[in-house]
Amino acid sequence: MNRESLIRWSVAGLAALTPLYLLRLSVFGVPTNVFELALFVLAILAVASTWRGGALREFLSLPIERTFRVGLVLIFFGVIASTLLHPTLRGFGILKSWFVTPLLFFLLVRHAFRREEVRILPILLGAYAASALGVVLGALGFALRDIFTFDGRLTAFFQSPNQLAMY
């Protein structure tokens, strides 16, 4: 198995690990979870691999559209400023989970599936269909157990219905 194929399968495996988002822990006082740790390990391995292959600049590059870059820089500037003004380390956990993690995942997916020979549409449609089926069956199972909040939202095993919406 070559390096690109290994990265592609690792990113696909990482997508399958998204339920590990619920297993929380703390690293140096910053809240995190198992999925994010797996993502960061894979990102470090991908950066090391592309650095060795001489394609690090391509891996870290953002889309060419100027509007995208300007918007991303403005968002990160505001988020970092608000995080630095927050008195606890919890703000760094939010910065990492809501902004850095999705950006890293975007870079990894784009890097893994950047070649034209990879037909990503059938893969995505299959993943969406399987996910939709799993969500429907899971929601039906929890709905039959009558686990709802006072306003009629399903809580399942989450502490809050808002966590269910984020997942």
Foldseek 3Di string as FASTA:
>chain_A
DDPLVVLLVLLVVLVVCVVQQPAWDADPQEIGTPSLVSLVVSLVVVCVVCVVVVCNCVLPDDDPDPVVVVVLVVVLVVLVVVLVVDPGNHSVNCCCVVPVSVVSSVSSNCSSPVDPVDDCVVVVVVVVVVVVVVVVVVVVVQVVVPQADPVGAHQRPHPDSVVVVVD
